[in-house]
């Protein structure tokens, strides 16, 4: 499980993630009127648009990619990310899971 540490308090951010020998492009967006964070992902020519970031769920499970993302709340409040600085201040952590970690997560063996 790899924590993405470079998410800042900017409304639009783009990153390239190394997934083994491949790359995925991810764009994070904060929508202040919705008070929510979303991401768009491009991998292997497939684009997944505007996935809402929610706590404790696999976000792209139905695409059968060799990775997925999960968000965890360090404050213990159990509230999805709703402030622009939630990632930067560390209230919310966002993790990249490998295929093996996804299997463990589905079996509830991984705690965030």
PDB file of N, CA and C in Angstrom:
ATOM      1  N   UNK A   1       0.859  -1.162   0.000  1.00  0.00           N
ATOM      2  CA  UNK A   1       0.000   0.000   0.000  1.00  0.00           C
ATOM      3  C   UNK A   1       0.910   1.230   0.000  1.00  0.00           C
ATOM      4  N   UNK A   2       0.708   2.080  -0.987  1.00  0.00           N
ATOM      5  CA  UNK A   2       1.543   3.267  -1.127  1.00  0.00           C
ATOM      6  C   UNK A   2       0.703   4.518  -0.915  1.00  0.00           C
ATOM      7  N   UNK A   3       1.062   5.301   0.082  1.00  0.00           N
ATOM      8  CA  UNK A   3       0.350   6.541   0.375  1.00  0.00           C
ATOM      9  C   UNK A   3       0.778   7.608  -0.634  1.00  0.00           C
ATOM     10  N   UNK A   4      -0.211   8.270  -1.237  1.00  0.00           N
ATOM     11  CA  UNK A   4       0.088   9.391  -2.122  1.00  0.00           C
ATOM     12  C   UNK A   4       0.242  10.630  -1.250  1.00  0.00           C
ATOM     13  N   UNK A   5       1.435  11.183  -1.246  1.00  0.00           N
ATOM     14  CA  UNK A   5       1.756  12.243  -0.294  1.00  0.00           C
ATOM     15  C   UNK A   5       1.782  13.639  -0.896  1.00  0.00           C
ATOM     16  N   UNK A   6       1.596  13.752  -2.189  1.00  0.00           N
ATOM     17  CA  UNK A   6       1.769  15.063  -2.811  1.00  0.00           C
ATOM     18  C   UNK A   6       0.459  15.757  -3.165  1.00  0.00           C
ATOM     19  N   UNK A   7      -0.664  15.349  -2.592  1.00  0.00           N
ATOM     20  CA  UNK A   7      -1.934  16.023  -2.836  1.00  0.00           C
ATOM     21  C   UNK A   7      -1.976  17.272  -1.966  1.00  0.00           C
ATOM     22  N   UNK A   8      -2.124  18.419  -2.599  1.00  0.00           N
ATOM     23  CA  UNK A   8      -2.067  19.701  -1.898  1.00  0.00           C
ATOM     24  C   UNK A   8      -3.456  20.320  -1.778  1.00  0.00           C
ATOM     25  N   UNK A   9      -3.474  21.575  -1.341  1.00  0.00           N
ATOM     26  CA  UNK A   9      -4.741  22.291  -1.186  1.00  0.00           C
ATOM     27  C   UNK A   9      -5.048  23.156  -2.408  1.00  0.00           C
ATOM     28  N   UNK A  10      -4.925  22.544  -3.580  1.00  0.00           N
ATOM     29  CA  UNK A  10      -5.247  23.200  -4.847  1.00  0.00           C
ATOM     30  C   UNK A  10      -6.439  22.483  -5.458  1.00  0.00           C
ATOM     31  N   UNK A  11      -7.310  23.229  -6.103  1.00  0.00           N
ATOM     32  CA  UNK A  11      -8.555  22.665  -6.623  1.00  0.00           C
ATOM     33  C   UNK A  11      -8.335  21.661  -7.748  1.00  0.00           C
ATOM     34  N   UNK A  12      -7.289  21.843  -8.560  1.00  0.00           N
ATOM     35  CA  UNK A  12      -7.005  20.919  -9.653  1.00  0.00           C
ATOM     36  C   UNK A  12      -5.530  20.538  -9.597  1.00  0.00           C
ATOM     37  N   UNK A  13      -5.269  19.224  -9.585  1.00  0.00           N
ATOM     38  CA  UNK A  13      -3.898  18.728  -9.525  1.00  0.00           C
ATOM     39  C   UNK A  13      -3.778  17.493 -10.397  1.00  0.00           C
ATOM     40  N   UNK A  14      -2.643  17.355 -11.074  1.00  0.00           N
ATOM     41  CA  UNK A  14      -2.418  16.194 -11.937  1.00  0.00           C
ATOM     42  C   UNK A  14      -1.111  15.512 -11.566  1.00  0.00           C
ATOM     43  N   UNK A  15      -1.123  14.167 -11.637  1.00  0.00           N
ATOM     44  CA  UNK A  15       0.050  13.382 -11.304  1.00  0.00           C
ATOM     45  C   UNK A  15       0.168  12.201 -12.255  1.00  0.00           C
ATOM     46  N   UNK A  16       1.366  11.693 -12.384  1.00  0.00           N
ATOM     47  CA  UNK A  16       1.625  10.452 -13.107  1.00  0.00           C
ATOM     48  C   UNK A  16       2.065   9.422 -12.067  1.00  0.00           C
ATOM     49  N   UNK A  17       1.374   8.294 -12.039  1.00  0.00           N
ATOM     50  CA  UNK A  17       1.690   7.230 -11.084  1.00  0.00           C
ATOM     51  C   UNK A  17       2.349   6.073 -11.812  1.00  0.00           C
ATOM     52  N   UNK A  18       3.431   5.552 -11.249  1.00  0.00           N
ATOM     53  CA  UNK A  18       4.070   4.347 -11.778  1.00  0.00           C
ATOM     54  C   UNK A  18       3.320   3.136 -11.222  1.00  0.00           C
ATOM     55  N   UNK A  19       2.834   2.305 -12.134  1.00  0.00           N
ATOM     56  CA  UNK A  19       2.138   1.076 -11.768  1.00  0.00           C
ATOM     57  C   UNK A  19       2.943  -0.057 -12.387  1.00  0.00           C
ATOM     58  N   UNK A  20       3.896  -0.598 -11.652  1.00  0.00           N
ATOM     59  CA  UNK A  20       4.812  -1.577 -12.223  1.00  0.00           C
ATOM     60  C   UNK A  20       5.598  -0.918 -13.343  1.00  0.00           C
ATOM     61  N   UNK A  21       5.532  -1.484 -14.546  1.00  0.00           N
ATOM     62  CA  UNK A  21       6.226  -0.913 -15.698  1.00  0.00           C
ATOM     63  C   UNK A  21       5.343   0.081 -16.454  1.00  0.00           C
ATOM     64  N   UNK A  22       4.106   0.267 -16.009  1.00  0.00           N
ATOM     65  CA  UNK A  22       3.153   1.144 -16.691  1.00  0.00           C
ATOM     66  C   UNK A  22       2.963   2.443 -15.923  1.00  0.00           C
ATOM     67  N   UNK A  23       2.244   3.370 -16.552  1.00  0.00           N
ATOM     68  CA  UNK A  23       1.940   4.646 -15.919  1.00  0.00           C
ATOM     69  C   UNK A  23       0.441   4.909 -15.988  1.00  0.00           C
ATOM     70  N   UNK A  24      -0.055   5.590 -14.968  1.00  0.00           N
ATOM     71  CA  UNK A  24      -1.449   6.043 -14.936  1.00  0.00           C
ATOM     72  C   UNK A  24      -1.436   7.544 -14.689  1.00  0.00           C
ATOM     73  N   UNK A  25      -2.283   8.245 -15.393  1.00  0.00           N
ATOM     74  CA  UNK A  25      -2.448   9.679 -15.162  1.00  0.00           C
ATOM     75  C   UNK A  25      -3.672   9.875 -14.284  1.00  0.00           C
ATOM     76  N   UNK A  26      -3.508  10.668 -13.232  1.00  0.00           N
ATOM     77  CA  UNK A  26      -4.623  10.929 -12.336  1.00  0.00           C
ATOM     78  C   UNK A  26      -4.737  12.429 -12.115  1.00  0.00           C
ATOM     79  N   UNK A  27      -5.963  12.902 -12.148  1.00  0.00           N
ATOM     80  CA  UNK A  27      -6.231  14.309 -11.883  1.00  0.00           C
ATOM     81  C   UNK A  27      -7.207  14.384 -10.714  1.00  0.00           C
ATOM     82  N   UNK A  28      -6.830  15.140  -9.700  1.00  0.00           N
ATOM     83  CA  UNK A  28      -7.700  15.374  -8.548  1.00  0.00           C
ATOM     84  C   UNK A  28      -8.382  16.713  -8.724  1.00  0.00           C
ATOM     85  N   UNK A  29      -9.664  16.759  -8.342  1.00  0.00           N
ATOM     86  CA  UNK A  29     -10.420  18.015  -8.387  1.00  0.00           C
ATOM     87  C   UNK A  29     -11.199  18.177  -7.091  1.00  0.00           C
ATOM     88  N   UNK A  30     -11.152  19.385  -6.578  1.00  0.00           N
ATOM     89  CA  UNK A  30     -11.983  19.737  -5.433  1.00  0.00           C
ATOM     90  C   UNK A  30     -13.088  20.649  -5.936  1.00  0.00           C
ATOM     91  N   UNK A  31     -14.331  20.289  -5.631  1.00  0.00           N
ATOM     92  CA  UNK A  31     -15.485  21.095  -6.009  1.00  0.00           C
ATOM     93  C   UNK A  31     -16.037  21.767  -4.760  1.00  0.00           C
ATOM     94  N   UNK A  32     -15.767  23.072  -4.585  1.00  0.00           N
ATOM     95  CA  UNK A  32     -16.198  23.746  -3.360  1.00  0.00           C
ATOM     96  C   UNK A  32     -17.713  23.784  -3.184  1.00  0.00           C
ATOM     97  N   UNK A  33     -18.469  23.883  -4.267  1.00  0.00           N
ATOM     98  CA  UNK A  33     -19.928  23.923  -4.120  1.00  0.00           C
ATOM     99  C   UNK A  33     -20.482  22.586  -3.648  1.00  0.00           C
ATOM    100  N   UNK A  34     -19.794  21.488  -3.983  1.00  0.00           N
ATOM    101  CA  UNK A  34     -20.203  20.160  -3.528  1.00  0.00           C
ATOM    102  C   UNK A  34     -19.517  19.758  -2.230  1.00  0.00           C
ATOM    103  N   UNK A  35     -18.483  20.494  -1.864  1.00  0.00           N
ATOM    104  CA  UNK A  35     -17.629  20.156  -0.719  1.00  0.00           C
ATOM    105  C   UNK A  35     -17.167  18.703  -0.821  1.00  0.00           C
ATOM    106  N   UNK A  36     -16.542  18.396  -1.964  1.00  0.00           N
ATOM    107  CA  UNK A  36     -16.118  17.019  -2.197  1.00  0.00           C
ATOM    108  C   UNK A  36     -14.919  16.972  -3.138  1.00  0.00           C
ATOM    109  N   UNK A  37     -14.140  15.918  -2.994  1.00  0.00           N
ATOM    110  CA  UNK A  37     -12.999  15.627  -3.859  1.00  0.00           C
ATOM    111  C   UNK A  37     -13.381  14.521  -4.835  1.00  0.00           C
ATOM    112  N   UNK A  38     -12.916  14.669  -6.082  1.00  0.00           N
ATOM    113  CA  UNK A  38     -13.126  13.682  -7.139  1.00  0.00           C
ATOM    114  C   UNK A  38     -11.809  13.449  -7.854  1.00  0.00           C
ATOM    115  N   UNK A  39     -11.701  12.317  -8.559  1.00  0.00           N
ATOM    116  CA  UNK A  39     -10.533  12.121  -9.412  1.00  0.00           C
ATOM    117  C   UNK A  39     -10.952  11.538 -10.749  1.00  0.00           C
ATOM    118  N   UNK A  40     -10.118  11.818 -11.753  1.00  0.00           N
ATOM    119  CA  UNK A  40     -10.243  11.234 -13.082  1.00  0.00           C
ATOM    120  C   UNK A  40      -8.957  10.470 -13.337  1.00  0.00           C
ATOM    121  N   UNK A  41      -9.080   9.258 -13.860  1.00  0.00           N
ATOM    122  CA  UNK A  41      -7.932   8.389 -14.053  1.00  0.00           C
ATOM    123  C   UNK A  41      -7.865   7.942 -15.507  1.00  0.00           C
ATOM    124  N   UNK A  42      -6.652   7.930 -16.063  1.00  0.00           N
ATOM    125  CA  UNK A  42      -6.423   7.355 -17.380  1.00  0.00           C
ATOM    126  C   UNK A  42      -5.365   6.267 -17.260  1.00  0.00           C
ATOM    127  N   UNK A  43      -5.716   5.059 -17.700  1.00  0.00           N
ATOM    128  CA  UNK A  43      -4.807   3.924 -17.634  1.00  0.00           C
ATOM    129  C   UNK A  43      -5.128   2.976 -18.781  1.00  0.00           C
ATOM    130  N   UNK A  44      -4.092   2.592 -19.528  1.00  0.00           N
ATOM    131  CA  UNK A  44      -4.241   1.681 -20.663  1.00  0.00           C
ATOM    132  C   UNK A  44      -5.282   2.164 -21.666  1.00  0.00           C
ATOM    133  N   UNK A  45      -5.346   3.479 -21.852  1.00  0.00           N
ATOM    134  CA  UNK A  45      -6.274   4.055 -22.817  1.00  0.00           C
ATOM    135  C   UNK A  45      -7.709   4.171 -22.328  1.00  0.00           C
ATOM    136  N   UNK A  46      -7.970   3.771 -21.109  1.00  0.00           N
ATOM    137  CA  UNK A  46      -9.308   3.866 -20.524  1.00  0.00           C
ATOM    138  C   UNK A  46      -9.339   5.074 -19.603  1.00  0.00           C
ATOM    139  N   UNK A  47     -10.365   5.897 -19.742  1.00  0.00           N
ATOM    140  CA  UNK A  47     -10.524   7.080 -18.896  1.00  0.00           C
ATOM    141  C   UNK A  47     -11.738   6.869 -17.995  1.00  0.00           C
ATOM    142  N   UNK A  48     -11.529   7.048 -16.709  1.00  0.00           N
ATOM    143  CA  UNK A  48     -12.595   6.968 -15.716  1.00  0.00           C
ATOM    144  C   UNK A  48     -12.777   8.378 -15.176  1.00  0.00           C
ATOM    145  N   UNK A  49     -13.928   8.971 -15.426  1.00  0.00           N
ATOM    146  CA  UNK A  49     -14.168  10.371 -15.081  1.00  0.00           C
ATOM    147  C   UNK A  49     -14.882  10.549 -13.750  1.00  0.00           C
ATOM    148  N   UNK A  50     -14.415  11.518 -12.994  1.00  0.00           N
ATOM    149  CA  UNK A  50     -15.103  12.040 -11.810  1.00  0.00           C
ATOM    150  C   UNK A  50     -15.585  10.982 -10.826  1.00  0.00           C
ATOM    151  N   UNK A  51     -14.628  10.280 -10.239  1.00  0.00           N
ATOM    152  CA  UNK A  51     -14.919   9.311  -9.184  1.00  0.00           C
ATOM    153  C   UNK A  51     -14.851  10.051  -7.848  1.00  0.00           C
ATOM    154  N   UNK A  52     -15.944  10.038  -7.101  1.00  0.00           N
ATOM    155  CA  UNK A  52     -15.959  10.717  -5.796  1.00  0.00           C
ATOM    156  C   UNK A  52     -15.091   9.937  -4.814  1.00  0.00           C
ATOM    157  N   UNK A  53     -14.238  10.659  -4.107  1.00  0.00           N
ATOM    158  CA  UNK A  53     -13.383  10.025  -3.106  1.00  0.00           C
ATOM    159  C   UNK A  53     -14.181   9.846  -1.817  1.00  0.00           C
ATOM    160  N   UNK A  54     -14.337   8.592  -1.425  1.00  0.00           N
ATOM    161  CA  UNK A  54     -15.085   8.237  -0.220  1.00  0.00           C
ATOM    162  C   UNK A  54     -14.203   7.366   0.662  1.00  0.00           C
ATOM    163  N   UNK A  55     -14.497   7.364   1.931  1.00  0.00           N
ATOM    164  CA  UNK A  55     -13.695   6.605   2.890  1.00  0.00           C
ATOM    165  C   UNK A  55     -13.976   5.107   2.816  1.00  0.00           C
ATOM    166  N   UNK A  56     -12.901   4.324   2.906  1.00  0.00           N
ATOM    167  CA  UNK A  56     -13.000   2.895   3.131  1.00  0.00           C
ATOM    168  C   UNK A  56     -13.576   2.048   2.015  1.00  0.00           C
ATOM    169  N   UNK A  57     -13.615   2.574   0.789  1.00  0.00           N
ATOM    170  CA  UNK A  57     -14.124   1.780  -0.329  1.00  0.00           C
ATOM    171  C   UNK A  57     -13.080   1.718  -1.433  1.00  0.00           C
ATOM    172  N   UNK A  58     -13.122   0.626  -2.212  1.00  0.00           N
ATOM    173  CA  UNK A  58     -12.303   0.548  -3.409  1.00  0.00           C
ATOM    174  C   UNK A  58     -12.988   1.400  -4.472  1.00  0.00           C
ATOM    175  N   UNK A  59     -12.224   2.230  -5.159  1.00  0.00           N
ATOM    176  CA  UNK A  59     -12.821   3.237  -6.034  1.00  0.00           C
ATOM    177  C   UNK A  59     -12.985   2.821  -7.489  1.00  0.00           C
ATOM    178  N   UNK A  60     -12.131   1.947  -7.999  1.00  0.00           N
ATOM    179  CA  UNK A  60     -12.214   1.573  -9.411  1.00  0.00           C
ATOM    180  C   UNK A  60     -12.287   0.054  -9.571  1.00  0.00           C
ATOM    181  N   UNK A  61     -12.844  -0.594  -8.607  1.00  0.00           N
ATOM    182  CA  UNK A  61     -12.911  -2.046  -8.540  1.00  0.00           C
ATOM    183  C   UNK A  61     -13.504  -2.678  -9.802  1.00  0.00           C
ATOM    184  N   UNK A  62     -14.519  -2.089 -10.372  1.00  0.00           N
ATOM    185  CA  UNK A  62     -15.216  -2.695 -11.500  1.00  0.00           C
ATOM    186  C   UNK A  62     -14.415  -2.662 -12.805  1.00  0.00           C
ATOM    187  N   UNK A  63     -13.297  -1.947 -12.829  1.00  0.00           N
ATOM    188  CA  UNK A  63     -12.482  -1.882 -14.044  1.00  0.00           C
ATOM    189  C   UNK A  63     -11.442  -2.987 -14.136  1.00  0.00           C
ATOM    190  N   UNK A  64     -11.288  -3.756 -13.097  1.00  0.00           N
ATOM    191  CA  UNK A  64     -10.381  -4.903 -13.090  1.00  0.00           C
ATOM    192  C   UNK A  64      -8.932  -4.524 -13.422  1.00  0.00           C
ATOM    193  N   UNK A  65      -8.514  -3.367 -12.945  1.00  0.00           N
ATOM    194  CA  UNK A  65      -7.120  -2.951 -13.093  1.00  0.00           C
ATOM    195  C   UNK A  65      -6.281  -3.651 -12.026  1.00  0.00           C
ATOM    196  N   UNK A  66      -4.949  -3.713 -12.212  1.00  0.00           N
ATOM    197  CA  UNK A  66      -4.093  -4.365 -11.212  1.00  0.00           C
ATOM    198  C   UNK A  66      -3.787  -3.453 -10.010  1.00  0.00           C
ATOM    199  N   UNK A  67      -4.623  -2.486  -9.765  1.00  0.00           N
ATOM    200  CA  UNK A  67      -4.461  -1.560  -8.640  1.00  0.00           C
ATOM    201  C   UNK A  67      -5.812  -0.931  -8.341  1.00  0.00           C
ATOM    202  N   UNK A  68      -5.893  -0.285  -7.194  1.00  0.00           N
ATOM    203  CA  UNK A  68      -7.082   0.478  -6.830  1.00  0.00           C
ATOM    204  C   UNK A  68      -6.665   1.522  -5.802  1.00  0.00           C
ATOM    205  N   UNK A  69      -7.619   2.316  -5.385  1.00  0.00           N
ATOM    206  CA  UNK A  69      -7.360   3.379  -4.414  1.00  0.00           C
ATOM    207  C   UNK A  69      -8.326   3.240  -3.253  1.00  0.00           C
ATOM    208  N   UNK A  70      -7.852   3.635  -2.072  1.00  0.00           N
ATOM    209  CA  UNK A  70      -8.708   3.683  -0.897  1.00  0.00           C
ATOM    210  C   UNK A  70      -8.297   4.907  -0.071  1.00  0.00           C
ATOM    211  N   UNK A  71      -9.274   5.523   0.561  1.00  0.00           N
ATOM    212  CA  UNK A  71      -9.021   6.700   1.402  1.00  0.00           C
ATOM    213  C   UNK A  71      -9.264   6.336   2.858  1.00  0.00           C
ATOM    214  N   UNK A  72      -8.431   6.875   3.732  1.00  0.00           N
ATOM    215  CA  UNK A  72      -8.572   6.638   5.159  1.00  0.00           C
ATOM    216  C   UNK A  72      -8.628   7.945   5.927  1.00  0.00           C
ATOM    217  N   UNK A  73      -9.366   7.951   7.012  1.00  0.00           N
ATOM    218  CA  UNK A  73      -9.567   9.145   7.846  1.00  0.00           C
ATOM    219  C   UNK A  73      -8.736   9.018   9.114  1.00  0.00           C
ATOM    220  N   UNK A  74      -7.744   9.878   9.284  1.00  0.00           N
ATOM    221  CA  UNK A  74      -6.885   9.818  10.463  1.00  0.00           C
ATOM    222  C   UNK A  74      -7.514  10.461  11.691  1.00  0.00           C
ATOM    223  N   UNK A  75      -8.582  11.251  11.493  1.00  0.00           N
ATOM    224  CA  UNK A  75      -9.200  11.955  12.620  1.00  0.00           C
ATOM    225  C   UNK A  75     -10.172  11.088  13.404  1.00  0.00           C
ATOM    226  N   UNK A  76     -10.602   9.975  12.801  1.00  0.00           N
ATOM    227  CA  UNK A  76     -11.568   9.120  13.468  1.00  0.00           C
ATOM    228  C   UNK A  76     -13.004   9.603  13.339  1.00  0.00           C
ATOM    229  N   UNK A  77     -13.245  10.680  12.603  1.00  0.00           N
ATOM    230  CA  UNK A  77     -14.592  11.207  12.442  1.00  0.00           C
ATOM    231  C   UNK A  77     -15.436  10.403  11.460  1.00  0.00           C
ATOM    232  N   UNK A  78     -14.780   9.751  10.508  1.00  0.00           N
ATOM    233  CA  UNK A  78     -15.505   8.963   9.523  1.00  0.00           C
ATOM    234  C   UNK A  78     -16.224   9.802   8.484  1.00  0.00           C
ATOM    235  N   UNK A  79     -15.729  10.997   8.229  1.00  0.00           N
ATOM    236  CA  UNK A  79     -16.348  11.903   7.259  1.00  0.00           C
ATOM    237  C   UNK A  79     -15.494  11.940   6.002  1.00  0.00           C
ATOM    238  N   UNK A  80     -16.133  11.744   4.842  1.00  0.00           N
ATOM    239  CA  UNK A  80     -15.432  11.823   3.559  1.00  0.00           C
ATOM    240  C   UNK A  80     -14.710  13.166   3.439  1.00  0.00           C
ATOM    241  N   UNK A  81     -13.657  13.231   2.607  1.00  0.00           N
ATOM    242  CA  UNK A  81     -12.959  14.511   2.434  1.00  0.00           C
ATOM    243  C   UNK A  81     -13.905  15.584   1.902  1.00  0.00           C
ATOM    244  N   UNK A  82     -13.970  16.717   2.610  1.00  0.00           N
ATOM    245  CA  UNK A  82     -14.885  17.774   2.227  1.00  0.00           C
ATOM    246  C   UNK A  82     -14.243  19.160   2.254  1.00  0.00           C
ATOM    247  N   UNK A  83     -13.007  19.242   2.699  1.00  0.00           N
ATOM    248  CA  UNK A  83     -12.288  20.518   2.714  1.00  0.00           C
ATOM    249  C   UNK A  83     -11.125  20.441   1.731  1.00  0.00           C
ATOM    250  N   UNK A  84     -10.767  21.587   1.183  1.00  0.00           N
ATOM    251  CA  UNK A  84      -9.708  21.616   0.180  1.00  0.00           C
ATOM    252  C   UNK A  84      -8.357  21.190   0.756  1.00  0.00           C
ATOM    253  N   UNK A  85      -8.163  21.332   2.066  1.00  0.00           N
ATOM    254  CA  UNK A  85      -6.870  20.984   2.663  1.00  0.00           C
ATOM    255  C   UNK A  85      -6.869  19.646   3.409  1.00  0.00           C
ATOM    256  N   UNK A  86      -7.905  18.835   3.247  1.00  0.00           N
ATOM    257  CA  UNK A  86      -7.993  17.564   3.977  1.00  0.00           C
ATOM    258  C   UNK A  86      -6.793  16.649   3.740  1.00  0.00           C
ATOM    259  N   UNK A  87      -6.271  16.600   2.511  1.00  0.00           N
ATOM    260  CA  UNK A  87      -5.114  15.747   2.222  1.00  0.00           C
ATOM    261  C   UNK A  87      -3.828  16.401   2.706  1.00  0.00           C
ATOM    262  N   UNK A  88      -3.723  17.693   2.502  1.00  0.00           N
ATOM    263  CA  UNK A  88      -2.492  18.396   2.864  1.00  0.00           C
ATOM    264  C   UNK A  88      -2.241  18.385   4.374  1.00  0.00           C
ATOM    265  N   UNK A  89      -3.275  18.563   5.165  1.00  0.00           N
ATOM    266  CA  UNK A  89      -3.085  18.575   6.626  1.00  0.00           C
ATOM    267  C   UNK A  89      -3.035  17.163   7.215  1.00  0.00           C
ATOM    268  N   UNK A  90      -3.347  16.147   6.382  1.00  0.00           N
ATOM    269  CA  UNK A  90      -3.246  14.769   6.855  1.00  0.00           C
ATOM    270  C   UNK A  90      -4.500  14.205   7.481  1.00  0.00           C
ATOM    271  N   UNK A  91      -5.627  14.915   7.415  1.00  0.00           N
ATOM    272  CA  UNK A  91      -6.862  14.336   7.943  1.00  0.00           C
ATOM    273  C   UNK A  91      -7.300  13.145   7.100  1.00  0.00           C
ATOM    274  N   UNK A  92      -7.055  13.226   5.799  1.00  0.00           N
ATOM    275  CA  UNK A  92      -7.379  12.141   4.888  1.00  0.00           C
ATOM    276  C   UNK A  92      -6.095  11.655   4.225  1.00  0.00           C
ATOM    277  N   UNK A  93      -5.901  10.348   4.190  1.00  0.00           N
ATOM    278  CA  UNK A  93      -4.804   9.733   3.450  1.00  0.00           C
ATOM    279  C   UNK A  93      -5.403   8.989   2.266  1.00  0.00           C
ATOM    280  N   UNK A  94      -4.696   9.017   1.153  1.00  0.00           N
ATOM    281  CA  UNK A  94      -5.150   8.354  -0.065  1.00  0.00           C
ATOM    282  C   UNK A  94      -4.076   7.364  -0.471  1.00  0.00           C
ATOM    283  N   UNK A  95      -4.464   6.097  -0.633  1.00  0.00           N
ATOM    284  CA  UNK A  95      -3.518   5.019  -0.854  1.00  0.00           C
ATOM    285  C   UNK A  95      -3.741   4.347  -2.205  1.00  0.00           C
ATOM    286  N   UNK A  96      -2.636   3.938  -2.817  1.00  0.00           N
ATOM    287  CA  UNK A  96      -2.639   3.108  -4.011  1.00  0.00           C
ATOM    288  C   UNK A  96      -2.406   1.673  -3.556  1.00  0.00           C
ATOM    289  N   UNK A  97      -3.308   0.773  -3.893  1.00  0.00           N
ATOM    290  CA  UNK A  97      -3.198  -0.627  -3.511  1.00  0.00           C
ATOM    291  C   UNK A  97      -2.812  -1.469  -4.722  1.00  0.00           C
ATOM    292  N   UNK A  98      -1.947  -2.439  -4.509  1.00  0.00           N
ATOM    293  CA  UNK A  98      -1.585  -3.403  -5.546  1.00  0.00           C
ATOM    294  C   UNK A  98      -2.681  -4.470  -5.633  1.00  0.00           C
ATOM    295  N   UNK A  99      -2.571  -5.332  -6.630  1.00  0.00           N
ATOM    296  CA  UNK A  99      -3.557  -6.407  -6.798  1.00  0.00           C
ATOM    297  C   UNK A  99      -3.630  -7.297  -5.556  1.00  0.00           C
ATOM    298  N   UNK A 100      -2.483  -7.618  -4.960  1.00  0.00           N
ATOM    299  CA  UNK A 100      -2.466  -8.457  -3.756  1.00  0.00           C
ATOM    300  C   UNK A 100      -3.134  -7.750  -2.579  1.00  0.00           C
ATOM    301  N   UNK A 101      -2.881  -6.462  -2.455  1.00  0.00           N
ATOM    302  CA  UNK A 101      -3.486  -5.693  -1.360  1.00  0.00           C
ATOM    303  C   UNK A 101      -4.999  -5.553  -1.551  1.00  0.00           C
ATOM    304  N   UNK A 102      -5.439  -5.482  -2.802  1.00  0.00           N
ATOM    305  CA  UNK A 102      -6.872  -5.429  -3.077  1.00  0.00           C
ATOM    306  C   UNK A 102      -7.536  -6.711  -2.584  1.00  0.00           C
ATOM    307  N   UNK A 103      -6.906  -7.856  -2.841  1.00  0.00           N
ATOM    308  CA  UNK A 103      -7.456  -9.137  -2.381  1.00  0.00           C
ATOM    309  C   UNK A 103      -7.545  -9.166  -0.859  1.00  0.00           C
ATOM    310  N   UNK A 104      -6.523  -8.673  -0.177  1.00  0.00           N
ATOM    311  CA  UNK A 104      -6.557  -8.595   1.285  1.00  0.00           C
ATOM    312  C   UNK A 104      -7.641  -7.638   1.763  1.00  0.00           C
ATOM    313  N   UNK A 105      -7.789  -6.522   1.065  1.00  0.00           N
ATOM    314  CA  UNK A 105      -8.781  -5.524   1.449  1.00  0.00           C
ATOM    315  C   UNK A 105     -10.194  -6.100   1.315  1.00  0.00           C
ATOM    316  N   UNK A 106     -10.434  -6.830   0.241  1.00  0.00           N
ATOM    317  CA  UNK A 106     -11.746  -7.467   0.050  1.00  0.00           C
ATOM    318  C   UNK A 106     -12.018  -8.475   1.153  1.00  0.00           C
ATOM    319  N   UNK A 107     -10.950  -9.079   1.677  1.00  0.00           N
ATOM    320  CA  UNK A 107     -11.108 -10.028   2.768  1.00  0.00           C
ATOM    321  C   UNK A 107     -11.077  -9.355   4.127  1.00  0.00           C
ATOM    322  N   UNK A 108     -11.046  -8.024   4.136  1.00  0.00           N
ATOM    323  CA  UNK A 108     -11.052  -7.215   5.359  1.00  0.00           C
ATOM    324  C   UNK A 108      -9.843  -7.474   6.244  1.00  0.00           C
ATOM    325  N   UNK A 109      -8.701  -7.825   5.611  1.00  0.00           N
ATOM    326  CA  UNK A 109      -7.487  -8.047   6.374  1.00  0.00           C
ATOM    327  C   UNK A 109      -6.615  -6.803   6.450  1.00  0.00           C
ATOM    328  N   UNK A 110      -6.978  -5.742   5.735  1.00  0.00           N
ATOM    329  CA  UNK A 110      -6.191  -4.511   5.707  1.00  0.00           C
ATOM    330  C   UNK A 110      -6.950  -3.436   6.456  1.00  0.00           C
ATOM    331  N   UNK A 111      -6.276  -2.783   7.372  1.00  0.00           N
ATOM    332  CA  UNK A 111      -6.889  -1.654   8.082  1.00  0.00           C
ATOM    333  C   UNK A 111      -6.240  -0.375   7.612  1.00  0.00           C
ATOM    334  N   UNK A 112      -7.036   0.611   7.344  1.00  0.00           N
ATOM    335  CA  UNK A 112      -6.537   1.908   6.886  1.00  0.00           C
ATOM    336  C   UNK A 112      -6.445   2.848   8.064  1.00  0.00           C
TER     337      UNK A 112
END
